[in-house]
Amino acid sequence: MANHKQAEKRTRQRAKRQLRNRLSLGAMRTALKKARAALDAKSGEATSLVKQAVQHIDRAVTKGVLHRRNASRLIARLTRRGNTTTAA
């Protein structure tokens, strides 16, 4: 339990940030899951879902939720998977 006003404020701020980060990460993970499922099913809307997933990843980076190198790796793997699926 916080003993000082500043510690109480930090606790409130941490809770707000945690919720914001969790929402951003959840949306990103959902978009990734949908894109991967569409690529596996060779769906016609796969390219648009991949594009949305990349936008969610970029948004997570700008909000500071995800590291830029981690995001770059995710985007590279997703696009490579998309390119091999459309080429085959």
C-alpha atoms as a PDB file:
ATOM      1  CA  MET A   1       0.000   0.000   0.000  1.00  0.00           C
ATOM      2  CA  ALA A   2       1.242   3.467  -0.882  1.00  0.00           C
ATOM      3  CA  ASN A   3       2.302   5.644   2.018  1.00  0.00           C
ATOM      4  CA  HIS A   4       2.825   8.950   0.171  1.00  0.00           C
ATOM      5  CA  LYS A   5       0.694  11.024  -2.171  1.00  0.00           C
ATOM      6  CA  GLN A   6       3.240  10.657  -4.965  1.00  0.00           C
ATOM      7  CA  ALA A   7       3.255   6.865  -4.591  1.00  0.00           C
ATOM      8  CA  GLU A   8      -0.541   6.837  -4.842  1.00  0.00           C
ATOM      9  CA  LYS A   9      -0.366   8.967  -7.964  1.00  0.00           C
ATOM     10  CA  ARG A  10       2.239   6.640  -9.495  1.00  0.00           C
ATOM     11  CA  THR A  11      -0.055   3.703  -8.812  1.00  0.00           C
ATOM     12  CA  ARG A  12      -2.954   5.450 -10.567  1.00  0.00           C
ATOM     13  CA  GLN A  13      -0.753   6.370 -13.541  1.00  0.00           C
ATOM     14  CA  ARG A  14       0.621   2.846 -13.789  1.00  0.00           C
ATOM     15  CA  ALA A  15      -2.899   1.403 -13.888  1.00  0.00           C
ATOM     16  CA  LYS A  16      -3.951   3.818 -16.646  1.00  0.00           C
ATOM     17  CA  ARG A  17      -0.863   3.103 -18.737  1.00  0.00           C
ATOM     18  CA  GLN A  18      -1.217  -0.631 -18.202  1.00  0.00           C
ATOM     19  CA  LEU A  19      -4.794  -0.567 -19.478  1.00  0.00           C
ATOM     20  CA  ARG A  20      -3.852   1.552 -22.485  1.00  0.00           C
ATOM     21  CA  ASN A  21      -0.936  -0.740 -23.345  1.00  0.00           C
ATOM     22  CA  ARG A  22      -3.040  -3.870 -22.926  1.00  0.00           C
ATOM     23  CA  LEU A  23      -5.720  -2.537 -25.280  1.00  0.00           C
ATOM     24  CA  SER A  24      -3.134  -1.632 -27.891  1.00  0.00           C
ATOM     25  CA  LEU A  25      -1.382  -4.989 -27.640  1.00  0.00           C
ATOM     26  CA  GLY A  26      -4.664  -6.876 -27.711  1.00  0.00           C
ATOM     27  CA  ALA A  27      -5.801  -5.124 -30.875  1.00  0.00           C
ATOM     28  CA  MET A  28      -2.426  -5.809 -32.481  1.00  0.00           C
ATOM     29  CA  ARG A  29      -2.482  -9.500 -31.555  1.00  0.00           C
ATOM     30  CA  THR A  30      -6.032  -9.882 -32.857  1.00  0.00           C
ATOM     31  CA  ALA A  31      -5.110  -8.257 -36.151  1.00  0.00           C
ATOM     32  CA  LEU A  32      -2.057 -10.523 -36.450  1.00  0.00           C
ATOM     33  CA  LYS A  33      -4.134 -13.607 -35.719  1.00  0.00           C
ATOM     34  CA  LYS A  34      -6.737 -12.655 -38.344  1.00  0.00           C
ATOM     35  CA  ALA A  35      -4.054 -11.939 -40.941  1.00  0.00           C
ATOM     36  CA  ARG A  36      -2.267 -15.235 -40.296  1.00  0.00           C
ATOM     37  CA  ALA A  37      -5.549 -17.158 -40.473  1.00  0.00           C
ATOM     38  CA  ALA A  38      -6.434 -15.481 -43.768  1.00  0.00           C
ATOM     39  CA  LEU A  39      -2.997 -16.288 -45.172  1.00  0.00           C
ATOM     40  CA  ASP A  40      -3.313 -19.921 -44.115  1.00  0.00           C
ATOM     41  CA  ALA A  41      -6.771 -20.157 -45.698  1.00  0.00           C
ATOM     42  CA  LYS A  42      -5.491 -18.375 -48.825  1.00  0.00           C
ATOM     43  CA  SER A  43      -8.378 -15.957 -48.491  1.00  0.00           C
ATOM     44  CA  GLY A  44      -8.912 -13.131 -50.959  1.00  0.00           C
ATOM     45  CA  GLU A  45      -8.965 -10.539 -48.202  1.00  0.00           C
ATOM     46  CA  ALA A  46      -5.570 -11.623 -46.836  1.00  0.00           C
ATOM     47  CA  THR A  47      -3.706  -8.645 -48.267  1.00  0.00           C
ATOM     48  CA  SER A  48      -6.054  -6.136 -46.641  1.00  0.00           C
ATOM     49  CA  LEU A  49      -5.840  -7.977 -43.311  1.00  0.00           C
ATOM     50  CA  VAL A  50      -2.039  -7.983 -43.519  1.00  0.00           C
ATOM     51  CA  LYS A  51      -2.120  -4.260 -44.197  1.00  0.00           C
ATOM     52  CA  GLN A  52      -4.343  -3.700 -41.139  1.00  0.00           C
ATOM     53  CA  ALA A  53      -2.031  -5.827 -38.998  1.00  0.00           C
ATOM     54  CA  VAL A  54       0.972  -3.769 -40.098  1.00  0.00           C
ATOM     55  CA  GLN A  55      -0.905  -0.590 -39.184  1.00  0.00           C
ATOM     56  CA  HIS A  56      -1.677  -1.974 -35.728  1.00  0.00           C
ATOM     57  CA  ILE A  57       1.973  -2.931 -35.255  1.00  0.00           C
ATOM     58  CA  ASP A  58       3.145   0.532 -36.308  1.00  0.00           C
ATOM     59  CA  ARG A  59       0.634   2.144 -33.966  1.00  0.00           C
ATOM     60  CA  ALA A  60       1.925   0.037 -31.069  1.00  0.00           C
ATOM     61  CA  VAL A  61       5.466   1.226 -31.823  1.00  0.00           C
ATOM     62  CA  THR A  62       4.497   4.895 -31.897  1.00  0.00           C
ATOM     63  CA  LYS A  63       2.669   4.505 -28.579  1.00  0.00           C
ATOM     64  CA  GLY A  64       5.763   2.915 -27.056  1.00  0.00           C
ATOM     65  CA  VAL A  65       4.093  -0.422 -26.384  1.00  0.00           C
ATOM     66  CA  LEU A  66       6.311  -2.415 -28.729  1.00  0.00           C
ATOM     67  CA  HIS A  67      10.000  -2.069 -29.553  1.00  0.00           C
ATOM     68  CA  ARG A  68      10.715  -1.005 -33.113  1.00  0.00           C
ATOM     69  CA  ARG A  69      12.979  -3.961 -33.854  1.00  0.00           C
ATOM     70  CA  ASN A  70      10.393  -6.382 -32.562  1.00  0.00           C
ATOM     71  CA  ALA A  71       7.796  -4.689 -34.766  1.00  0.00           C
ATOM     72  CA  SER A  72      10.119  -4.794 -37.750  1.00  0.00           C
ATOM     73  CA  ARG A  73      10.631  -8.513 -37.248  1.00  0.00           C
ATOM     74  CA  LEU A  74       6.872  -9.143 -36.993  1.00  0.00           C
ATOM     75  CA  ILE A  75       6.169  -7.120 -40.131  1.00  0.00           C
ATOM     76  CA  ALA A  76       8.950  -8.835 -42.068  1.00  0.00           C
ATOM     77  CA  ARG A  77       7.721 -12.306 -41.153  1.00  0.00           C
ATOM     78  CA  LEU A  78       4.134 -11.433 -41.983  1.00  0.00           C
ATOM     79  CA  THR A  79       4.943  -9.906 -45.363  1.00  0.00           C
ATOM     80  CA  ARG A  80       7.299 -12.754 -46.255  1.00  0.00           C
ATOM     81  CA  ARG A  81       4.546 -15.221 -45.418  1.00  0.00           C
ATOM     82  CA  GLY A  82       2.112 -13.215 -47.521  1.00  0.00           C
ATOM     83  CA  ASN A  83       4.484 -13.063 -50.466  1.00  0.00           C
ATOM     84  CA  THR A  84       5.113 -16.819 -50.455  1.00  0.00           C
ATOM     85  CA  THR A  85       1.375 -17.497 -50.184  1.00  0.00           C
ATOM     86  CA  THR A  86       0.471 -15.272 -53.123  1.00  0.00           C
ATOM     87  CA  ALA A  87       3.387 -16.566 -55.225  1.00  0.00           C
ATOM     88  CA  ALA A  88       2.398 -20.202 -54.759  1.00  0.00           C
END
